[in-house]
Amino acid sequence: MSERRAVFLDRDGTLMEEVDYCNDPASVQAILGAREALSKLRKEGWLTIIITNQSGLSKDLITPEQYEAVNAELLRQLGGGIDAIYFCADHPDRPTERRKPRPGMLREAATAHGIDLSRSWMIGDKAIDIECGQNAGCQTILVRTGYGLHQSDSKADFIVDNVTLGLELILEQHSSQNPEPK
């Protein structure tokens, strides 16, 4: 049984400001404080993995090169801080098991990185992110950035203003469940 734990993060609207079908690195703006919060989380041994639907690829709104350039700029702004990125280019009309809200990408990551999904979290700005995390057996956090202001009926375990507060919540929850020995 795996002991590794991870925080799975949606990309657009969660780690970076929402830009519909972002295809220009100049449009990337990481959420304020995300870089520092990710660094703290990783110092505590958490894996951080982006899980993102990118139907713009199948709709020919984004080229693979543009997708990679946007990721590179986000990673630069986050100071690295991400262990892996999983994306699904499926068209919404033809989803596979990988397209959120289905848990395929989380399960792939769990297998590849030895992650215990029951000890892991999913953070996103849409109900499909929350449903994806729940379908994989993770705890969930909805952020009120991106589309999150209009997704309050998502049934997330927690709702916070942004990813920075979500990552801090995870650290608080973990330290209260595993207090330091006296």
C-alpha atoms as a PDB file:
ATOM      1  CA  MET A   1       0.000   0.000   0.000  1.00  0.00           C
ATOM      2  CA  SER A   2       1.318   3.404  -0.970  1.00  0.00           C
ATOM      3  CA  GLU A   3       2.045   6.034   1.627  1.00  0.00           C
ATOM      4  CA  ARG A   4       2.573   8.959  -0.756  1.00  0.00           C
ATOM      5  CA  ARG A   5       0.046  11.728  -0.784  1.00  0.00           C
ATOM      6  CA  ALA A   6      -0.639  14.382  -3.370  1.00  0.00           C
ATOM      7  CA  VAL A   7      -2.536  17.540  -4.047  1.00  0.00           C
ATOM      8  CA  PHE A   8      -4.097  17.475  -7.494  1.00  0.00           C
ATOM      9  CA  LEU A   9      -4.726  20.936  -8.887  1.00  0.00           C
ATOM     10  CA  ASP A  10      -6.813  22.172 -11.758  1.00  0.00           C
ATOM     11  CA  ARG A  11      -4.857  24.646 -13.898  1.00  0.00           C
ATOM     12  CA  ASP A  12      -7.094  27.350 -15.431  1.00  0.00           C
ATOM     13  CA  GLY A  13      -9.022  29.360 -12.854  1.00  0.00           C
ATOM     14  CA  THR A  14      -7.297  27.559  -9.983  1.00  0.00           C
ATOM     15  CA  LEU A  15      -3.505  27.928 -10.278  1.00  0.00           C
ATOM     16  CA  MET A  16      -3.748  30.746 -12.804  1.00  0.00           C
ATOM     17  CA  GLU A  17      -6.317  33.392 -13.611  1.00  0.00           C
ATOM     18  CA  GLU A  18      -9.042  32.097 -15.927  1.00  0.00           C
ATOM     19  CA  VAL A  19      -8.471  32.829 -19.624  1.00  0.00           C
ATOM     20  CA  ASP A  20     -10.834  30.946 -21.931  1.00  0.00           C
ATOM     21  CA  TYR A  21      -8.760  28.548 -24.023  1.00  0.00           C
ATOM     22  CA  CYS A  22      -5.501  30.188 -22.976  1.00  0.00           C
ATOM     23  CA  ASN A  23      -3.083  29.938 -25.905  1.00  0.00           C
ATOM     24  CA  ASP A  24      -0.718  32.812 -25.142  1.00  0.00           C
ATOM     25  CA  PRO A  25       1.935  32.666 -22.395  1.00  0.00           C
ATOM     26  CA  ALA A  26       1.653  36.452 -22.050  1.00  0.00           C
ATOM     27  CA  SER A  27      -1.886  35.905 -20.688  1.00  0.00           C
ATOM     28  CA  VAL A  28      -0.719  33.635 -17.862  1.00  0.00           C
ATOM     29  CA  GLN A  29      -1.020  35.108 -14.395  1.00  0.00           C
ATOM     30  CA  ALA A  30      -0.438  32.734 -11.482  1.00  0.00           C
ATOM     31  CA  ILE A  31      -2.729  33.188  -8.482  1.00  0.00           C
ATOM     32  CA  LEU A  32      -1.111  35.461  -5.908  1.00  0.00           C
ATOM     33  CA  GLY A  33       0.709  33.468  -3.219  1.00  0.00           C
ATOM     34  CA  ALA A  34       0.446  30.125  -5.016  1.00  0.00           C
ATOM     35  CA  ARG A  35       4.212  29.838  -5.512  1.00  0.00           C
ATOM     36  CA  GLU A  36       4.970  30.180  -1.803  1.00  0.00           C
ATOM     37  CA  ALA A  37       2.095  27.926  -0.721  1.00  0.00           C
ATOM     38  CA  LEU A  38       3.185  25.180  -3.136  1.00  0.00           C
ATOM     39  CA  SER A  39       6.723  25.434  -1.797  1.00  0.00           C
ATOM     40  CA  LYS A  40       5.523  24.960   1.807  1.00  0.00           C
ATOM     41  CA  LEU A  41       3.403  21.995   0.804  1.00  0.00           C
ATOM     42  CA  ARG A  42       6.256  20.294  -1.031  1.00  0.00           C
ATOM     43  CA  LYS A  43       8.592  20.837   1.941  1.00  0.00           C
ATOM     44  CA  GLU A  44       6.081  18.802   3.959  1.00  0.00           C
ATOM     45  CA  GLY A  45       6.440  15.922   1.483  1.00  0.00           C
ATOM     46  CA  TRP A  46       3.348  16.411  -0.654  1.00  0.00           C
ATOM     47  CA  LEU A  47       3.401  15.769  -4.393  1.00  0.00           C
ATOM     48  CA  THR A  48       1.739  18.494  -6.471  1.00  0.00           C
ATOM     49  CA  ILE A  49       0.159  17.457  -9.751  1.00  0.00           C
ATOM     50  CA  ILE A  50      -1.832  19.467 -12.271  1.00  0.00           C
ATOM     51  CA  ILE A  51      -4.920  17.737 -13.662  1.00  0.00           C
ATOM     52  CA  THR A  52      -6.438  19.700 -16.539  1.00  0.00           C
ATOM     53  CA  ASN A  53      -9.029  19.258 -19.259  1.00  0.00           C
ATOM     54  CA  GLN A  54      -7.790  20.967 -22.428  1.00  0.00           C
ATOM     55  CA  SER A  55     -10.556  20.534 -24.985  1.00  0.00           C
ATOM     56  CA  GLY A  56      -9.184  23.563 -26.844  1.00  0.00           C
ATOM     57  CA  LEU A  57      -6.690  21.123 -28.362  1.00  0.00           C
ATOM     58  CA  SER A  58      -9.422  18.920 -29.861  1.00  0.00           C
ATOM     59  CA  LYS A  59     -11.395  22.001 -30.924  1.00  0.00           C
ATOM     60  CA  ASP A  60      -8.326  23.418 -32.742  1.00  0.00           C
ATOM     61  CA  LEU A  61      -8.391  26.538 -30.549  1.00  0.00           C
ATOM     62  CA  ILE A  62      -4.979  25.742 -29.058  1.00  0.00           C
ATOM     63  CA  THR A  63      -1.993  24.093 -30.711  1.00  0.00           C
ATOM     64  CA  PRO A  64       0.135  21.610 -28.766  1.00  0.00           C
ATOM     65  CA  GLU A  65       2.975  24.148 -28.886  1.00  0.00           C
ATOM     66  CA  GLN A  66       0.756  26.870 -27.403  1.00  0.00           C
ATOM     67  CA  TYR A  67      -0.430  24.499 -24.670  1.00  0.00           C
ATOM     68  CA  GLU A  68       3.181  23.669 -23.765  1.00  0.00           C
ATOM     69  CA  ALA A  69       4.202  27.355 -23.832  1.00  0.00           C
ATOM     70  CA  VAL A  70       1.362  28.273 -21.446  1.00  0.00           C
ATOM     71  CA  ASN A  71       2.415  25.443 -19.092  1.00  0.00           C
ATOM     72  CA  ALA A  72       6.044  26.565 -19.242  1.00  0.00           C
ATOM     73  CA  GLU A  73       5.114  30.128 -18.315  1.00  0.00           C
ATOM     74  CA  LEU A  74       2.906  28.975 -15.453  1.00  0.00           C
ATOM     75  CA  LEU A  75       5.674  26.735 -14.129  1.00  0.00           C
ATOM     76  CA  ARG A  76       8.126  29.637 -14.395  1.00  0.00           C
ATOM     77  CA  GLN A  77       5.795  31.853 -12.365  1.00  0.00           C
ATOM     78  CA  LEU A  78       5.280  29.077  -9.815  1.00  0.00           C
ATOM     79  CA  GLY A  79       9.035  28.543  -9.508  1.00  0.00           C
ATOM     80  CA  GLY A  80       8.649  24.937 -10.610  1.00  0.00           C
ATOM     81  CA  GLY A  81       6.719  23.560  -7.669  1.00  0.00           C
ATOM     82  CA  ILE A  82       4.817  20.984  -9.729  1.00  0.00           C
ATOM     83  CA  ASP A  83       5.775  17.315  -9.884  1.00  0.00           C
ATOM     84  CA  ALA A  84       3.709  16.338 -12.939  1.00  0.00           C
ATOM     85  CA  ILE A  85       1.057  17.564 -15.337  1.00  0.00           C
ATOM     86  CA  TYR A  86      -1.717  15.379 -16.734  1.00  0.00           C
ATOM     87  CA  PHE A  87      -4.014  16.760 -19.400  1.00  0.00           C
ATOM     88  CA  CYS A  88      -6.970  15.477 -21.351  1.00  0.00           C
ATOM     89  CA  ALA A  89      -7.617  16.886 -24.820  1.00  0.00           C
ATOM     90  CA  ASP A  90     -10.903  15.013 -25.270  1.00  0.00           C
ATOM     91  CA  HIS A  91     -13.741  16.911 -26.874  1.00  0.00           C
ATOM     92  CA  PRO A  92     -16.586  17.229 -24.329  1.00  0.00           C
ATOM     93  CA  ASP A  93     -18.911  15.394 -26.745  1.00  0.00           C
ATOM     94  CA  ARG A  94     -16.531  12.411 -26.867  1.00  0.00           C
ATOM     95  CA  PRO A  95     -15.137  11.992 -23.349  1.00  0.00           C
ATOM     96  CA  THR A  96     -12.994   9.093 -22.241  1.00  0.00           C
ATOM     97  CA  GLU A  97     -12.303   7.927 -18.684  1.00  0.00           C
ATOM     98  CA  ARG A  98      -9.536  10.574 -18.526  1.00  0.00           C
ATOM     99  CA  ARG A  99     -11.793  13.625 -18.952  1.00  0.00           C
ATOM    100  CA  LYS A 100     -12.873  15.239 -15.690  1.00  0.00           C
ATOM    101  CA  PRO A 101     -15.192  14.595 -13.882  1.00  0.00           C
ATOM    102  CA  ARG A 102     -14.083  11.024 -14.502  1.00  0.00           C
ATOM    103  CA  PRO A 103     -11.077  10.042 -12.370  1.00  0.00           C
ATOM    104  CA  GLY A 104      -8.818   8.546 -15.051  1.00  0.00           C
ATOM    105  CA  MET A 105      -6.034  11.138 -14.835  1.00  0.00           C
ATOM    106  CA  LEU A 106      -5.896  10.896 -11.022  1.00  0.00           C
ATOM    107  CA  ARG A 107      -5.722   7.121 -11.190  1.00  0.00           C
ATOM    108  CA  GLU A 108      -2.941   7.295 -13.794  1.00  0.00           C
ATOM    109  CA  ALA A 109      -0.988   9.666 -11.558  1.00  0.00           C
ATOM    110  CA  ALA A 110      -1.584   7.458  -8.525  1.00  0.00           C
ATOM    111  CA  THR A 111      -0.189   4.437 -10.348  1.00  0.00           C
ATOM    112  CA  ALA A 112       2.776   6.336 -11.811  1.00  0.00           C
ATOM    113  CA  HIS A 113       3.776   8.050  -8.555  1.00  0.00           C
ATOM    114  CA  GLY A 114       2.664   5.546  -5.896  1.00  0.00           C
ATOM    115  CA  ILE A 115      -0.025   7.843  -4.478  1.00  0.00           C
ATOM    116  CA  ASP A 116      -2.671   6.867  -1.943  1.00  0.00           C
ATOM    117  CA  LEU A 117      -5.742   8.668  -3.309  1.00  0.00           C
ATOM    118  CA  SER A 118      -7.564   8.358   0.024  1.00  0.00           C
ATOM    119  CA  ARG A 119      -4.854  10.552   1.613  1.00  0.00           C
ATOM    120  CA  SER A 120      -4.861  13.046  -1.246  1.00  0.00           C
ATOM    121  CA  TRP A 121      -6.753  16.198  -2.232  1.00  0.00           C
ATOM    122  CA  MET A 122      -8.220  17.731  -5.392  1.00  0.00           C
ATOM    123  CA  ILE A 123      -8.489  21.524  -5.713  1.00  0.00           C
ATOM    124  CA  GLY A 124     -10.434  23.192  -8.509  1.00  0.00           C
ATOM    125  CA  ASP A 125     -12.774  25.973  -9.517  1.00  0.00           C
ATOM    126  CA  LYS A 126     -15.527  23.856 -11.084  1.00  0.00           C
ATOM    127  CA  ALA A 127     -17.981  21.230  -9.912  1.00  0.00           C
ATOM    128  CA  ILE A 128     -16.350  18.769 -12.358  1.00  0.00           C
ATOM    129  CA  ASP A 129     -13.031  19.175 -10.503  1.00  0.00           C
ATOM    130  CA  ILE A 130     -14.742  18.384  -7.214  1.00  0.00           C
ATOM    131  CA  GLU A 131     -16.626  15.446  -8.691  1.00  0.00           C
ATOM    132  CA  CYS A 132     -13.377  14.130 -10.207  1.00  0.00           C
ATOM    133  CA  GLY A 133     -11.657  14.235  -6.825  1.00  0.00           C
ATOM    134  CA  GLN A 134     -14.611  12.561  -5.131  1.00  0.00           C
ATOM    135  CA  ASN A 135     -14.764   9.886  -7.848  1.00  0.00           C
ATOM    136  CA  ALA A 136     -11.108   9.101  -7.098  1.00  0.00           C
ATOM    137  CA  GLY A 137     -11.643   9.033  -3.319  1.00  0.00           C
ATOM    138  CA  CYS A 138      -9.864  12.320  -2.535  1.00  0.00           C
ATOM    139  CA  GLN A 139     -10.886  15.145  -0.246  1.00  0.00           C
ATOM    140  CA  THR A 140     -11.880  18.234  -2.203  1.00  0.00           C
ATOM    141  CA  ILE A 141     -11.570  22.003  -2.116  1.00  0.00           C
ATOM    142  CA  LEU A 142     -13.457  24.422  -4.351  1.00  0.00           C
ATOM    143  CA  VAL A 143     -11.761  27.773  -4.912  1.00  0.00           C
ATOM    144  CA  ARG A 144     -13.777  30.928  -5.587  1.00  0.00           C
ATOM    145  CA  THR A 145     -11.451  32.034  -8.395  1.00  0.00           C
ATOM    146  CA  GLY A 146     -12.139  31.304 -12.055  1.00  0.00           C
ATOM    147  CA  TYR A 147     -15.610  29.785 -12.298  1.00  0.00           C
ATOM    148  CA  GLY A 148     -15.677  28.987  -8.569  1.00  0.00           C
ATOM    149  CA  LEU A 149     -17.902  31.899  -7.560  1.00  0.00           C
ATOM    150  CA  HIS A 150     -20.762  30.240  -9.418  1.00  0.00           C
ATOM    151  CA  GLN A 151     -20.109  26.642  -8.336  1.00  0.00           C
ATOM    152  CA  SER A 152     -21.101  26.741  -4.641  1.00  0.00           C
ATOM    153  CA  ASP A 153     -23.402  23.735  -5.091  1.00  0.00           C
ATOM    154  CA  SER A 154     -20.403  21.523  -5.946  1.00  0.00           C
ATOM    155  CA  LYS A 155     -20.566  19.522  -2.681  1.00  0.00           C
ATOM    156  CA  ALA A 156     -16.863  20.174  -2.041  1.00  0.00           C
ATOM    157  CA  ASP A 157     -15.505  19.247   1.372  1.00  0.00           C
ATOM    158  CA  PHE A 158     -14.229  22.824   1.731  1.00  0.00           C
ATOM    159  CA  ILE A 159     -14.715  26.125  -0.101  1.00  0.00           C
ATOM    160  CA  VAL A 160     -12.008  28.810   0.078  1.00  0.00           C
ATOM    161  CA  ASP A 161     -11.294  32.078  -1.700  1.00  0.00           C
ATOM    162  CA  ASN A 162      -8.211  30.892  -3.626  1.00  0.00           C
ATOM    163  CA  VAL A 163      -5.665  28.122  -4.094  1.00  0.00           C
ATOM    164  CA  THR A 164      -3.248  29.703  -1.635  1.00  0.00           C
ATOM    165  CA  LEU A 165      -5.812  29.398   1.147  1.00  0.00           C
ATOM    166  CA  GLY A 166      -6.666  25.893  -0.030  1.00  0.00           C
ATOM    167  CA  LEU A 167      -3.058  24.739   0.231  1.00  0.00           C
ATOM    168  CA  GLU A 168      -2.762  26.324   3.684  1.00  0.00           C
ATOM    169  CA  LEU A 169      -5.957  24.506   4.734  1.00  0.00           C
ATOM    170  CA  ILE A 170      -4.460  21.179   3.676  1.00  0.00           C
ATOM    171  CA  LEU A 171      -1.354  21.829   5.764  1.00  0.00           C
ATOM    172  CA  GLU A 172      -3.511  22.809   8.759  1.00  0.00           C
ATOM    173  CA  GLN A 173      -5.724  19.728   8.372  1.00  0.00           C
ATOM    174  CA  HIS A 174      -2.704  17.455   8.111  1.00  0.00           C
ATOM    175  CA  SER A 175      -0.878  18.958  11.109  1.00  0.00           C
ATOM    176  CA  SER A 176      -4.030  18.709  13.281  1.00  0.00           C
ATOM    177  CA  GLN A 177      -4.415  15.032  12.317  1.00  0.00           C
ATOM    178  CA  ASN A 178      -0.709  14.313  12.844  1.00  0.00           C
ATOM    179  CA  PRO A 179       0.516  16.513  15.681  1.00  0.00           C
ATOM    180  CA  GLU A 180       4.230  16.730  16.343  1.00  0.00           C
ATOM    181  CA  PRO A 181       5.419  14.412  19.132  1.00  0.00           C
ATOM    182  CA  LYS A 182       6.044  16.151  22.468  1.00  0.00           C
END
